[in-house]
Amino acid sequence: MKVEDAKTIVEELRGRFDAPFSSSDKAHIVRLYWEVLGKEFKPTTCQQCYHDALIEVYLYLKKYNKMKDKCNYRMRAGFIISCPRFANGKIYTNDNLTDEVAEEYLAQFPKNVDMFQQLPKDFSIKKVQKKVAERNKKQEKPAKKQEKVAEPELEGKVSK
């Protein structure tokens, strides 16, 4: 699904916002929620959760004008990454987790792999560590040659 398609569906559903959604509308909202936000929709017994989900999708598309980047890593319920020795203590949840962040974290803390409920199919700690090392190597900028600057010589005598 493309951004334009998602916006069209959202606008169509917004036209029926004041009435209860039909079962096909609900199915569209569940699909939009996954496609746009990358999150699984958890319906409740009330109808309001579908309205809330549609608003959340609408606001995300309006603010970012794109679909959320899909992440191959997903942490277990209740887990967050909050470590002062990782990314200057920035807090990561499933909402802001990216493949790069998850790989950096697992390369640095491989014993915490149990925090994740979803990993890529070809996942291994060694592959991740190698990938992160290569990425970090590419990001390093070659040091510029520093030209030796001649210090000015003092002429004359120093007065007392």
Protein backbone atom coordinates (compact mmCIF):
# COMPACT_ATOMS: atom_id res chain seq x y z
CA MET A 1 0.00 0.00 0.00
CA LYS A 2 1.23 3.48 -0.86
CA VAL A 3 0.78 6.68 1.12
CA GLU A 4 -1.74 8.02 -1.41
CA ASP A 5 -3.82 4.84 -1.12
CA ALA A 6 -3.80 5.06 2.67
CA LYS A 7 -4.84 8.72 2.60
CA THR A 8 -7.72 7.92 0.22
CA ILE A 9 -9.02 5.15 2.49
CA VAL A 10 -8.68 7.35 5.58
CA GLU A 11 -10.62 10.18 3.93
CA GLU A 12 -13.35 7.78 2.85
CA LEU A 13 -13.62 6.36 6.39
CA ARG A 14 -13.61 9.83 7.94
CA GLY A 15 -16.82 10.52 6.00
CA ARG A 16 -18.53 7.79 8.03
CA PHE A 17 -16.86 8.73 11.30
CA ASP A 18 -20.04 9.72 13.18
CA ALA A 19 -21.79 6.40 12.55
CA PRO A 20 -20.71 2.96 13.76
CA PHE A 21 -18.25 1.33 11.38
CA SER A 22 -19.30 -1.71 9.37
CA SER A 23 -17.29 -4.93 9.54
CA SER A 24 -15.55 -4.08 6.23
CA ASP A 25 -14.69 -0.60 7.57
CA LYS A 26 -13.22 -2.21 10.67
CA ALA A 27 -11.15 -4.54 8.49
CA HIS A 28 -9.84 -1.50 6.56
CA ILE A 29 -8.91 0.23 9.82
CA VAL A 30 -7.06 -2.84 11.11
CA ARG A 31 -5.13 -3.08 7.83
CA LEU A 32 -4.37 0.66 7.79
CA TYR A 33 -3.15 0.50 11.38
CA TRP A 34 -0.66 -2.21 10.43
CA GLU A 35 0.38 -0.74 7.08
CA VAL A 36 0.78 2.88 8.21
CA LEU A 37 1.92 2.54 11.82
CA GLY A 38 3.53 -0.89 11.76
CA LYS A 39 1.59 -1.88 14.88
CA GLU A 40 -0.91 -4.62 15.48
CA PHE A 41 -4.38 -3.33 16.28
CA LYS A 42 -5.90 -4.69 19.48
CA PRO A 43 -9.69 -4.23 19.34
CA THR A 44 -11.71 -3.85 22.51
CA THR A 45 -15.42 -4.40 23.12
CA CYS A 46 -16.33 -0.77 22.47
CA GLN A 47 -16.62 0.85 19.05
CA GLN A 48 -14.51 3.83 20.09
CA CYS A 49 -11.21 1.95 19.64
CA TYR A 50 -11.73 1.87 15.85
CA HIS A 51 -12.39 5.61 15.81
CA ASP A 52 -9.27 6.19 17.90
CA ALA A 53 -7.19 4.01 15.58
CA LEU A 54 -8.44 5.91 12.54
CA ILE A 55 -7.54 9.22 14.18
CA GLU A 56 -4.09 7.90 15.05
CA VAL A 57 -3.50 6.79 11.43
CA TYR A 58 -4.85 10.10 10.08
CA LEU A 59 -2.61 12.20 12.34
CA TYR A 60 0.47 10.12 11.52
CA LEU A 61 -0.09 10.49 7.78
CA LYS A 62 -0.79 14.20 8.16
CA LYS A 63 2.34 14.82 10.25
CA TYR A 64 4.89 12.61 8.43
CA ASN A 65 3.30 12.10 5.00
CA LYS A 66 4.78 8.60 4.84
CA MET A 67 4.31 5.08 6.10
CA LYS A 68 6.25 4.10 9.19
CA ASP A 69 9.51 2.30 8.45
CA LYS A 70 9.12 -1.41 9.10
CA CYS A 71 11.44 -2.94 11.68
CA ASN A 72 12.55 -6.57 11.63
CA TYR A 73 13.04 -6.50 15.39
CA ARG A 74 10.29 -6.35 18.00
CA MET A 75 10.79 -6.32 21.76
CA ARG A 76 8.67 -8.39 24.10
CA ALA A 77 5.80 -6.68 25.88
CA GLY A 78 7.01 -4.50 28.74
CA PHE A 79 10.62 -4.23 27.53
CA ILE A 80 12.39 -1.02 26.65
CA ILE A 81 16.00 -0.13 25.87
CA SER A 82 17.18 2.34 28.47
CA CYS A 83 20.87 2.06 29.14
CA PRO A 84 23.25 4.92 29.96
CA ARG A 85 26.03 3.10 28.09
CA PHE A 86 23.98 2.85 24.91
CA ALA A 87 23.03 5.79 22.68
CA ASN A 88 23.69 8.29 25.47
CA GLY A 89 20.82 6.85 27.50
CA LYS A 90 18.12 7.46 24.89
CA ILE A 91 15.03 5.35 25.54
CA TYR A 92 13.77 3.02 22.81
CA THR A 93 10.43 1.24 22.63
CA ASN A 94 8.86 -0.71 19.79
CA ASP A 95 7.42 2.58 18.53
CA ASN A 96 10.81 4.17 17.80
CA LEU A 97 12.94 1.05 17.37
CA THR A 98 14.73 0.64 14.04
CA ASP A 99 16.77 -2.23 12.64
CA GLU A 100 19.96 -0.20 13.08
CA VAL A 101 19.25 0.58 16.75
CA ALA A 102 18.34 -3.02 17.56
CA GLU A 103 21.49 -4.31 15.82
CA GLU A 104 23.72 -1.79 17.58
CA TYR A 105 22.18 -2.76 20.91
CA LEU A 106 22.51 -6.50 20.35
CA ALA A 107 26.08 -6.12 19.08
CA GLN A 108 26.95 -4.33 22.32
CA PHE A 109 24.78 -6.46 24.64
CA PRO A 110 24.36 -9.90 22.99
CA LYS A 111 23.07 -11.56 26.17
CA ASN A 112 19.92 -9.42 25.98
CA VAL A 113 18.63 -11.18 22.86
CA ASP A 114 15.82 -12.63 25.03
CA MET A 115 14.29 -9.13 25.20
CA PHE A 116 13.14 -9.57 21.61
CA GLN A 117 10.10 -11.55 20.51
CA GLN A 118 10.78 -11.00 16.81
CA LEU A 119 14.14 -11.27 15.06
CA PRO A 120 15.02 -11.50 11.35
CA LYS A 121 14.87 -15.00 9.90
CA ASP A 122 18.62 -15.19 9.29
CA PHE A 123 19.53 -13.68 12.67
CA SER A 124 22.73 -14.56 14.49
CA ILE A 125 24.74 -12.50 16.96
CA LYS A 126 27.92 -12.96 14.91
CA LYS A 127 26.22 -11.65 11.75
CA VAL A 128 24.87 -8.65 13.62
CA GLN A 129 28.23 -7.84 15.20
CA LYS A 130 29.93 -8.08 11.81
CA LYS A 131 27.26 -5.91 10.17
CA VAL A 132 27.54 -3.24 12.88
CA ALA A 133 31.34 -3.25 12.68
CA GLU A 134 31.16 -2.74 8.90
CA ARG A 135 28.58 0.03 9.29
CA ASN A 136 30.70 1.80 11.90
CA LYS A 137 33.79 1.47 9.72
CA LYS A 138 31.97 3.10 6.79
CA GLN A 139 30.80 5.94 9.01
CA GLU A 140 34.30 6.78 10.20
CA LYS A 141 35.65 9.67 8.23
CA PRO A 142 39.23 9.48 7.10
CA ALA A 143 41.42 11.77 9.15
CA LYS A 144 42.56 14.82 7.26
CA LYS A 145 46.25 15.41 6.98
CA GLN A 146 47.21 18.14 9.33
CA GLU A 147 49.72 20.45 7.89
CA LYS A 148 52.43 21.44 10.26
CA VAL A 149 52.09 25.09 11.03
CA ALA A 150 55.36 26.82 11.75
CA GLU A 151 55.35 28.65 15.01
CA PRO A 152 56.52 32.24 14.72
CA GLU A 153 59.97 32.76 16.04
CA LEU A 154 60.53 35.47 18.58
CA GLU A 155 62.84 38.14 17.36
CA GLY A 156 64.86 40.20 19.68
CA LYS A 157 65.26 39.92 23.38
CA VAL A 158 62.63 39.49 26.00
CA SER A 159 62.52 42.50 28.28
CA LYS A 160 62.42 42.14 32.03
